[in-house]
Every structure is written in C-alpha cells, then in structure tokens.
Amino acid sequence: MVRLKDIAHEAGVSVMTVSKALRDAPDIAAKTKMRIGDLAKRMGYTPHLGARSLRIRETRLLGLVIPATTDPVFARIVMAIEQRALEHGYELVLAHTWNKAEREETILRNLISRRVDGIFLSPVYRNDADVSAYRELRQRGIPTVIMGPLAEFCADFVNVQSLGNESAFGMTQHLIDLGHKRIAFFAGPRFSARAVSRQEGYRRALRENNIDEDPGLVFNAGMTIAEGAKAAKHFLEEQTKATAVQTVNDLVAIGAANVLLEHGLKIPGDLSVAGFGNILTSEHYRVPLTTVRQPKFRLGMASFDTMLKLLAGEQPESQRMVAEVLVRQSTGPVAK
C-alpha cells in the first residue's frame, strides 16, 4: 500500500507538504499540487477515508432512504442523486424502509451512528405528531431533505416534491373535459400525505366544476397492482355507473385495468382509466395509460442542490414542481 511518506520520498518534499497538496491547502503552490497529485495517481495512492473523516469531521457519506428500489417512481430520483453525489465526491448509503415505520427508525439511527453528513429521506407517513428518530435528526442538526410532502412529524424539515394536489386536479379536469361526471377515485392509504394530496386534487376539481362529490365513488386501493385489482372487483360489485376511474398511481391503475378488461369492459370505450406517476410500464401497457408525468429526475437533482445548500450552512427554501398530464389511449369521451 502506497503511503504519504512514499510519495514524499519520490517527490523530494516533506510528508506535510504531500498531505496539504492532496487536501488542496491554500498555502501550497498550484504547480506543486499538480506534480504531487500526478505522482500520487501514478503510484496508485488511495486516501484513507476513515482517517480523513476523523480529521475534518466529515465522512463524505450521504444517506438515501426510500421505500424500495422496486418502486418505479424512485428509480430516476435515485439515478439523479447518485450522479450528483459522484460529481461532488460523496458516497451514498442506500436503505429501504418497505414503508414500515419501525424499520425506518432503525435505518435512521444506523445512519446517525455512521455519522453521515446528510440524509435524503422519503418518509414512512403515519398519523403520529412526533417521531423520535426525526426529533433526533433535528436535535443533532443533521442536514435532511424530505423527498415528498411534509407531514406533522417532519414539518420542520426542508422538502422537495411534485404537487400532487395540482397534478391530480389536472387529471380530473381532463376527464371532466371529456364529458365525464361520474368519476370514481381509487384512493391510496389514508395516512399517506402523497395519496391524500392527490385525492384532494380530485375533490377540488369536482367542486370547481359544480359536480357533487359522491362518497360511493371513492374506493380504498392502496398503492400496488394487487390492491388496484382488489379495488376494481369491489368497484364492479357496487355497480356505480361511473364512466371513468382515476387512480392514486399507475400501479393501481394497471391492476384495476387488468380486472376491468378481464370482465369484458373496453378501455376507454366503456370506461376511461387514468393513473399517476408515468412509470415505464404505463406507456407500454395493453392500453397505453393516460397518466401524470412527475419530473422524477429533476426532483432528484433539486434534492441534491438543496442538500448542498444545507451542507454549506444555508437555509434553502422547499421546492415544488407541477407535474404534467400525459394523454394516451386509456381515456376518451363518455360513450354515447
């Protein structure tokens, strides 16, 4: 293993000079830094990151906590953050909560014990007003960027999110413009801030178009394909006479559409179906899915920019991005 003193011997300078040159210290001449840097590369020198972190009180580690990499919404967000982390010399510690509160608290405490410099966090939403792990993040002053809506237990943190309310409003308005007045909504978990925001956008669009809200048109559908299929079966049993189904996300829409097609319904001839999220599968589904395109890569980039400001001691503002309605073949005018 190549050591600093090996480089110093080869360069004919002191170990201190080599150390400062590799740390880009201001009192070392640029030519000397370049010469020592080139020499270190040729000799295959690798810095001892553990020793460096003890010296400068930085680990160059950032925690990235998401529900699961199997959630297609997070694929491009993770890609963007990983790209920026590499550019800025940080390593990511990726962890999955599986949307379980106890697992999330364990992960956060593990990241705190590893002395990460900051944490990107997609919360496990719950009704609790206070969560001990989040309180500890605040007390320790660990730079934390919430990726998603704020809830009471994480209201003190800066966040980056797409506006689910506005985006879902736009989707409901699209269906209304096609002539639909009886629009069913397949809702997500009641404790999820994302799901609640999207349902509120649906409700607001109905109100602003003077369409009465019918509680019988709202079905609990969770967030998965299986839950979407289950909600669709319940929907068919209820015989609601709805002409369109709007869902909390694309996975639910696909699960629901599978059941509707299996029961002989035509999409959009008999029933329009709309999703949310624009996952890759939505474009290539049997009936290409009308959905809401979230700016996922931009959300990741914005999250990292926000983190850099926190690490620099600044107080950045939260960022909000409006998503776009993508009209495909799964929605159409009300059947005559």
Protein backbone atom coordinates (compact mmCIF):
# COMPACT_ATOMS: atom_id res chain seq x y z
CA MET A 1 0.00 0.00 0.00
CA VAL A 2 1.36 3.40 -1.01
CA ARG A 3 1.74 5.82 1.91
CA LEU A 4 2.18 9.57 2.11
CA LYS A 5 5.83 9.16 3.05
CA ASP A 6 6.39 7.07 -0.10
CA ILE A 7 5.06 9.91 -2.23
CA ALA A 8 7.09 12.45 -0.22
CA HIS A 9 10.29 10.45 -0.77
CA GLU A 10 9.64 10.20 -4.51
CA ALA A 11 8.78 13.90 -4.79
CA GLY A 12 11.62 15.12 -2.58
CA VAL A 13 9.30 17.02 -0.22
CA SER A 14 8.05 16.59 3.33
CA VAL A 15 5.11 14.38 4.28
CA MET A 16 3.29 17.51 5.46
CA THR A 17 3.66 19.08 2.01
CA VAL A 18 2.22 15.97 0.37
CA SER A 19 -0.69 15.90 2.83
CA LYS A 20 -1.51 19.56 2.23
CA ALA A 21 -1.16 19.23 -1.55
CA LEU A 22 -3.59 16.33 -1.66
CA ARG A 23 -6.02 18.28 0.54
CA ASP A 24 -5.77 21.30 -1.80
CA ALA A 25 -4.47 23.50 1.04
CA PRO A 26 -4.18 27.19 0.03
CA ASP A 27 -0.55 27.58 1.19
CA ILE A 28 0.82 25.08 -1.36
CA ALA A 29 1.73 26.31 -4.85
CA ALA A 30 -0.50 25.15 -7.71
CA LYS A 31 2.43 23.59 -9.59
CA THR A 32 3.40 21.59 -6.51
CA LYS A 33 -0.16 20.37 -6.04
CA MET A 34 -0.33 19.27 -9.65
CA ARG A 35 3.04 17.50 -9.51
CA ILE A 36 2.21 15.66 -6.28
CA GLY A 37 -1.30 14.83 -7.46
CA ASP A 38 0.01 13.30 -10.70
CA LEU A 39 2.65 11.37 -8.79
CA ALA A 40 0.07 10.04 -6.31
CA LYS A 41 -2.08 8.77 -9.20
CA ARG A 42 0.88 7.08 -10.92
CA MET A 43 1.87 5.38 -7.68
CA GLY A 44 -1.70 4.19 -7.05
CA TYR A 45 -2.23 6.12 -3.82
CA THR A 46 -5.70 5.74 -2.21
CA PRO A 47 -6.58 8.12 0.63
CA HIS A 48 -7.67 6.64 3.97
CA LEU A 49 -11.23 7.98 4.17
CA GLY A 50 -11.71 6.93 7.77
CA ALA A 51 -8.70 8.94 8.93
CA ARG A 52 -9.81 11.86 6.77
CA SER A 53 -13.29 11.88 8.32
CA LEU A 54 -11.85 11.97 11.83
CA ARG A 55 -9.58 14.84 10.86
CA ILE A 56 -12.09 17.11 9.14
CA ARG A 57 -15.27 15.82 10.83
CA GLU A 58 -16.77 14.76 7.51
CA THR A 59 -17.48 11.25 6.27
CA ARG A 60 -18.47 12.21 2.69
CA LEU A 61 -21.36 9.79 3.18
CA LEU A 62 -24.98 10.69 2.44
CA GLY A 63 -27.91 8.51 3.45
CA LEU A 64 -30.62 7.86 0.87
CA VAL A 65 -33.75 6.34 2.39
CA ILE A 66 -36.60 5.26 0.09
CA PRO A 67 -39.47 2.75 0.32
CA ALA A 68 -37.87 0.29 -2.15
CA THR A 69 -35.92 0.29 -5.38
CA THR A 70 -38.75 -1.82 -6.82
CA ASP A 71 -40.95 1.30 -6.59
CA PRO A 72 -40.53 2.62 -10.17
CA VAL A 73 -41.15 6.23 -9.12
CA PHE A 74 -37.83 6.29 -7.27
CA ALA A 75 -35.62 4.78 -9.98
CA ARG A 76 -34.82 8.07 -11.73
CA ILE A 77 -34.73 10.05 -8.47
CA VAL A 78 -32.02 7.69 -7.17
CA MET A 79 -30.19 7.91 -10.51
CA ALA A 80 -30.09 11.72 -10.34
CA ILE A 81 -28.89 11.82 -6.72
CA GLU A 82 -26.26 9.16 -7.39
CA GLN A 83 -24.95 11.11 -10.38
CA ARG A 84 -24.64 14.36 -8.42
CA ALA A 85 -23.10 12.58 -5.42
CA LEU A 86 -20.35 11.15 -7.63
CA GLU A 87 -19.67 14.57 -9.14
CA HIS A 88 -19.27 16.11 -5.68
CA GLY A 89 -17.21 13.33 -4.12
CA TYR A 90 -19.90 11.77 -1.91
CA GLU A 91 -20.85 8.14 -1.44
CA LEU A 92 -24.45 7.07 -0.93
CA VAL A 93 -25.69 4.68 1.74
CA LEU A 94 -28.94 3.36 0.25
CA ALA A 95 -31.58 1.89 2.56
CA HIS A 96 -35.15 0.64 2.04
CA THR A 97 -37.92 1.15 4.59
CA TRP A 98 -40.51 -1.06 2.87
CA ASN A 99 -42.94 1.58 4.17
CA LYS A 100 -42.56 0.21 7.70
CA ALA A 101 -42.20 2.77 10.48
CA GLU A 102 -40.10 0.59 12.82
CA ARG A 103 -37.70 -0.29 10.01
CA GLU A 104 -37.37 3.39 9.10
CA GLU A 105 -36.46 4.37 12.67
CA THR A 106 -33.80 1.64 12.81
CA ILE A 107 -32.33 2.81 9.49
CA LEU A 108 -32.21 6.45 10.60
CA ARG A 109 -30.45 5.56 13.85
CA ASN A 110 -27.94 3.44 11.93
CA LEU A 111 -27.21 6.37 9.61
CA ILE A 112 -26.78 8.69 12.58
CA SER A 113 -24.32 6.24 14.16
CA ARG A 114 -22.35 6.15 10.88
CA ARG A 115 -22.03 9.95 11.11
CA VAL A 116 -23.39 10.58 7.62
CA ASP A 117 -23.08 14.18 6.50
CA GLY A 118 -26.72 14.36 5.42
CA ILE A 119 -29.83 12.30 4.64
CA PHE A 120 -32.27 12.22 1.72
CA LEU A 121 -35.47 10.80 3.12
CA SER A 122 -38.77 9.64 1.64
CA PRO A 123 -40.81 9.32 4.85
CA VAL A 124 -42.94 6.49 6.04
CA TYR A 125 -46.08 8.53 6.61
CA ARG A 126 -48.09 7.99 9.76
CA ASN A 127 -50.53 9.93 11.93
CA ASP A 128 -48.03 10.50 14.76
CA ALA A 129 -47.33 14.13 15.57
CA ASP A 130 -43.85 13.28 16.83
CA VAL A 131 -41.39 10.56 15.77
CA SER A 132 -38.30 10.08 17.93
CA ALA A 133 -35.87 9.41 15.06
CA TYR A 134 -36.92 12.61 13.29
CA ARG A 135 -36.62 14.51 16.56
CA GLU A 136 -33.08 13.19 16.90
CA LEU A 137 -32.22 14.35 13.36
CA ARG A 138 -33.40 17.84 14.31
CA GLN A 139 -31.56 17.89 17.64
CA ARG A 140 -28.30 16.78 16.04
CA GLY A 141 -28.69 19.27 13.20
CA ILE A 142 -28.15 16.62 10.52
CA PRO A 143 -28.91 18.13 7.09
CA THR A 144 -32.05 16.34 5.93
CA VAL A 145 -34.03 16.72 2.71
CA ILE A 146 -37.55 15.28 2.75
CA MET A 147 -38.46 13.89 -0.67
CA GLY A 148 -42.23 14.23 -0.71
CA PRO A 149 -44.95 16.16 1.11
CA LEU A 150 -44.44 17.29 4.68
CA ALA A 151 -46.48 15.78 7.50
CA GLU A 152 -46.74 16.97 11.10
CA PHE A 153 -43.85 14.79 12.33
CA CYS A 154 -41.45 16.15 9.66
CA ALA A 155 -42.84 19.67 9.18
CA ASP A 156 -39.62 21.34 10.39
CA PHE A 157 -37.50 19.99 7.53
CA VAL A 158 -36.96 21.36 4.03
CA ASN A 159 -38.60 19.29 1.29
CA VAL A 160 -38.72 18.77 -2.46
CA GLN A 161 -41.91 17.46 -4.03
CA SER A 162 -44.16 17.43 -7.05
CA LEU A 163 -47.54 18.98 -6.35
CA GLY A 164 -49.90 16.02 -6.16
CA ASN A 165 -52.93 18.21 -5.50
CA GLU A 166 -52.42 20.37 -8.59
CA SER A 167 -51.43 17.41 -10.75
CA ALA A 168 -54.42 15.26 -9.73
CA PHE A 169 -56.66 18.30 -10.24
CA GLY A 170 -55.37 18.50 -13.82
CA MET A 171 -56.16 14.81 -14.41
CA THR A 172 -59.71 15.12 -13.07
CA GLN A 173 -60.19 18.23 -15.19
CA HIS A 174 -59.04 16.26 -18.24
CA LEU A 175 -61.73 13.64 -17.56
CA ILE A 176 -64.39 16.30 -16.98
CA ASP A 177 -63.43 18.00 -20.24
CA LEU A 178 -64.10 14.66 -21.97
CA GLY A 179 -67.64 14.75 -20.59
CA HIS A 180 -67.24 12.52 -17.53
CA LYS A 181 -69.25 13.47 -14.46
CA ARG A 182 -69.30 10.21 -12.56
CA ILE A 183 -65.61 9.71 -11.92
CA ALA A 184 -64.57 7.02 -9.46
CA PHE A 185 -61.37 7.55 -7.47
CA PHE A 186 -59.19 4.65 -6.34
CA ALA A 187 -57.51 6.19 -3.30
CA GLY A 188 -54.23 5.36 -1.58
CA PRO A 189 -53.55 4.83 2.15
CA ARG A 190 -55.25 7.41 4.35
CA PHE A 191 -52.05 8.08 6.29
CA SER A 192 -50.02 8.82 3.14
CA ALA A 193 -49.57 12.54 2.55
CA ARG A 194 -48.98 11.86 -1.15
CA ALA A 195 -52.19 9.91 -1.51
CA VAL A 196 -54.26 12.41 0.47
CA SER A 197 -52.94 15.28 -1.64
CA ARG A 198 -53.92 13.53 -4.89
CA GLN A 199 -57.39 12.74 -3.62
CA GLU A 200 -57.87 16.36 -2.58
CA GLY A 201 -56.94 17.47 -6.11
CA TYR A 202 -59.69 15.17 -7.45
CA ARG A 203 -62.23 16.52 -4.98
CA ARG A 204 -61.30 20.14 -5.70
CA ALA A 205 -61.74 19.64 -9.44
CA LEU A 206 -65.23 18.23 -8.85
CA ARG A 207 -66.16 21.19 -6.64
CA GLU A 208 -64.86 23.78 -9.07
CA ASN A 209 -66.88 22.17 -11.86
CA ASN A 210 -70.05 22.07 -9.73
CA ILE A 211 -70.11 18.27 -9.68
CA ASP A 212 -71.42 16.77 -6.45
CA GLU A 213 -68.98 14.55 -4.59
CA ASP A 214 -70.30 11.01 -4.21
CA PRO A 215 -68.58 9.04 -1.39
CA GLY A 216 -69.78 5.87 -3.13
CA LEU A 217 -67.35 6.59 -5.96
CA VAL A 218 -64.26 6.51 -3.72
CA PHE A 219 -62.57 3.15 -3.18
CA ASN A 220 -59.61 2.29 -0.95
CA ALA A 221 -56.98 0.85 -3.27
CA GLY A 222 -53.59 1.06 -1.55
CA MET A 223 -50.55 1.55 -3.80
CA THR A 224 -49.93 -1.77 -5.59
CA ILE A 225 -51.16 -3.72 -8.62
CA ALA A 226 -52.78 -6.35 -6.39
CA GLU A 227 -54.59 -3.70 -4.35
CA GLY A 228 -55.75 -1.98 -7.54
CA ALA A 229 -57.19 -5.27 -8.79
CA LYS A 230 -59.00 -5.82 -5.50
CA ALA A 231 -60.47 -2.31 -5.60
CA ALA A 232 -61.65 -2.88 -9.19
CA LYS A 233 -63.53 -6.04 -8.17
CA HIS A 234 -65.25 -4.10 -5.39
CA PHE A 235 -66.00 -1.30 -7.86
CA LEU A 236 -67.68 -3.73 -10.28
CA GLU A 237 -69.74 -5.26 -7.46
CA GLU A 238 -71.06 -1.83 -6.48
CA GLN A 239 -72.36 -1.02 -9.98
CA THR A 240 -71.71 2.69 -9.54
CA LYS A 241 -72.46 3.67 -13.15
CA ALA A 242 -69.15 5.56 -13.22
CA THR A 243 -67.79 6.33 -16.68
CA ALA A 244 -64.18 6.92 -15.60
CA VAL A 245 -61.75 5.69 -12.96
CA GLN A 246 -58.93 7.91 -11.67
CA THR A 247 -56.30 6.22 -9.53
CA VAL A 248 -53.71 7.26 -6.97
CA ASN A 249 -50.85 5.81 -9.02
CA ASP A 250 -50.03 3.83 -12.17
CA LEU A 251 -49.63 0.51 -10.38
CA VAL A 252 -53.17 0.74 -9.02
CA ALA A 253 -54.41 1.79 -12.47
CA ILE A 254 -52.77 -1.23 -14.12
CA GLY A 255 -54.17 -3.64 -11.51
CA ALA A 256 -57.63 -2.15 -11.94
CA ALA A 257 -57.45 -2.14 -15.74
CA ASN A 258 -56.47 -5.83 -15.76
CA VAL A 259 -59.66 -6.73 -13.91
CA LEU A 260 -61.86 -4.43 -16.00
CA LEU A 261 -60.54 -5.91 -19.24
CA GLU A 262 -60.95 -9.46 -17.91
CA HIS A 263 -64.62 -8.67 -17.27
CA GLY A 264 -65.10 -7.71 -20.90
CA LEU A 265 -65.11 -3.93 -20.49
CA LYS A 266 -63.48 -1.85 -23.18
CA ILE A 267 -60.98 0.86 -22.21
CA PRO A 268 -61.77 3.64 -22.98
CA GLY A 269 -64.96 2.64 -24.87
CA ASP A 270 -66.87 1.56 -21.75
CA LEU A 271 -64.70 3.10 -19.06
CA SER A 272 -61.80 5.55 -19.09
CA VAL A 273 -58.90 4.78 -16.74
CA ALA A 274 -56.23 7.26 -15.60
CA GLY A 275 -53.11 6.76 -13.49
CA PHE A 276 -50.46 8.90 -11.82
CA GLY A 277 -46.65 8.73 -11.98
CA ASN A 278 -45.78 7.78 -15.58
CA ILE A 279 -43.84 4.64 -14.72
CA LEU A 280 -42.24 2.90 -17.71
CA THR A 281 -44.93 0.22 -17.81
CA SER A 282 -47.71 2.79 -18.21
CA GLU A 283 -46.64 3.69 -21.75
CA HIS A 284 -46.31 0.03 -22.79
CA TYR A 285 -49.43 -1.34 -21.10
CA ARG A 286 -52.03 -3.15 -23.27
CA VAL A 287 -53.94 0.12 -23.42
CA PRO A 288 -51.30 2.86 -23.08
CA LEU A 289 -52.18 4.64 -19.87
CA THR A 290 -53.15 8.28 -19.52
CA THR A 291 -51.18 9.43 -16.51
CA VAL A 292 -49.39 12.27 -14.74
CA ARG A 293 -45.71 12.62 -15.57
CA GLN A 294 -43.74 13.55 -12.47
CA PRO A 295 -40.40 15.28 -13.09
CA LYS A 296 -38.58 12.47 -11.29
CA PHE A 297 -35.04 13.17 -12.50
CA ARG A 298 -35.46 16.90 -11.79
CA LEU A 299 -36.78 16.06 -8.33
CA GLY A 300 -33.58 14.13 -7.64
CA MET A 301 -31.41 16.95 -8.96
CA ALA A 302 -33.32 19.53 -6.91
CA SER A 303 -32.99 17.35 -3.81
CA PHE A 304 -29.21 17.24 -4.19
CA ASP A 305 -28.97 21.01 -4.81
CA THR A 306 -30.97 21.54 -1.63
CA MET A 307 -28.65 19.20 0.27
CA LEU A 308 -25.56 21.11 -0.91
CA LYS A 309 -27.04 24.33 0.48
CA LEU A 310 -27.77 22.67 3.82
CA LEU A 311 -24.23 21.29 3.98
CA ALA A 312 -22.92 24.81 3.32
CA GLY A 313 -24.87 26.12 6.32
CA GLU A 314 -27.54 27.85 4.24
CA GLN A 315 -31.30 27.68 4.78
CA PRO A 316 -32.78 26.77 1.38
CA GLU A 317 -36.46 27.05 0.61
CA SER A 318 -38.57 24.00 -0.12
CA GLN A 319 -39.14 23.32 -3.81
CA ARG A 320 -42.42 22.49 -5.52
CA MET A 321 -42.80 21.14 -9.06
CA VAL A 322 -46.00 20.78 -11.06
CA ALA A 323 -46.37 17.55 -12.99
CA GLU A 324 -47.88 17.22 -16.47
CA VAL A 325 -50.93 15.27 -17.66
CA LEU A 326 -49.95 12.84 -20.42
CA VAL A 327 -52.95 11.85 -22.53
CA ARG A 328 -52.75 8.37 -24.04
CA GLN A 329 -55.30 5.79 -25.24
CA SER A 330 -56.86 4.80 -21.89
CA THR A 331 -59.10 7.89 -21.65
CA GLY A 332 -61.72 9.09 -24.09
CA PRO A 333 -65.14 10.77 -24.34
CA VAL A 334 -68.13 9.37 -22.48
CA ALA A 335 -69.76 6.60 -24.52
CA LYS A 336 -72.98 7.73 -26.17
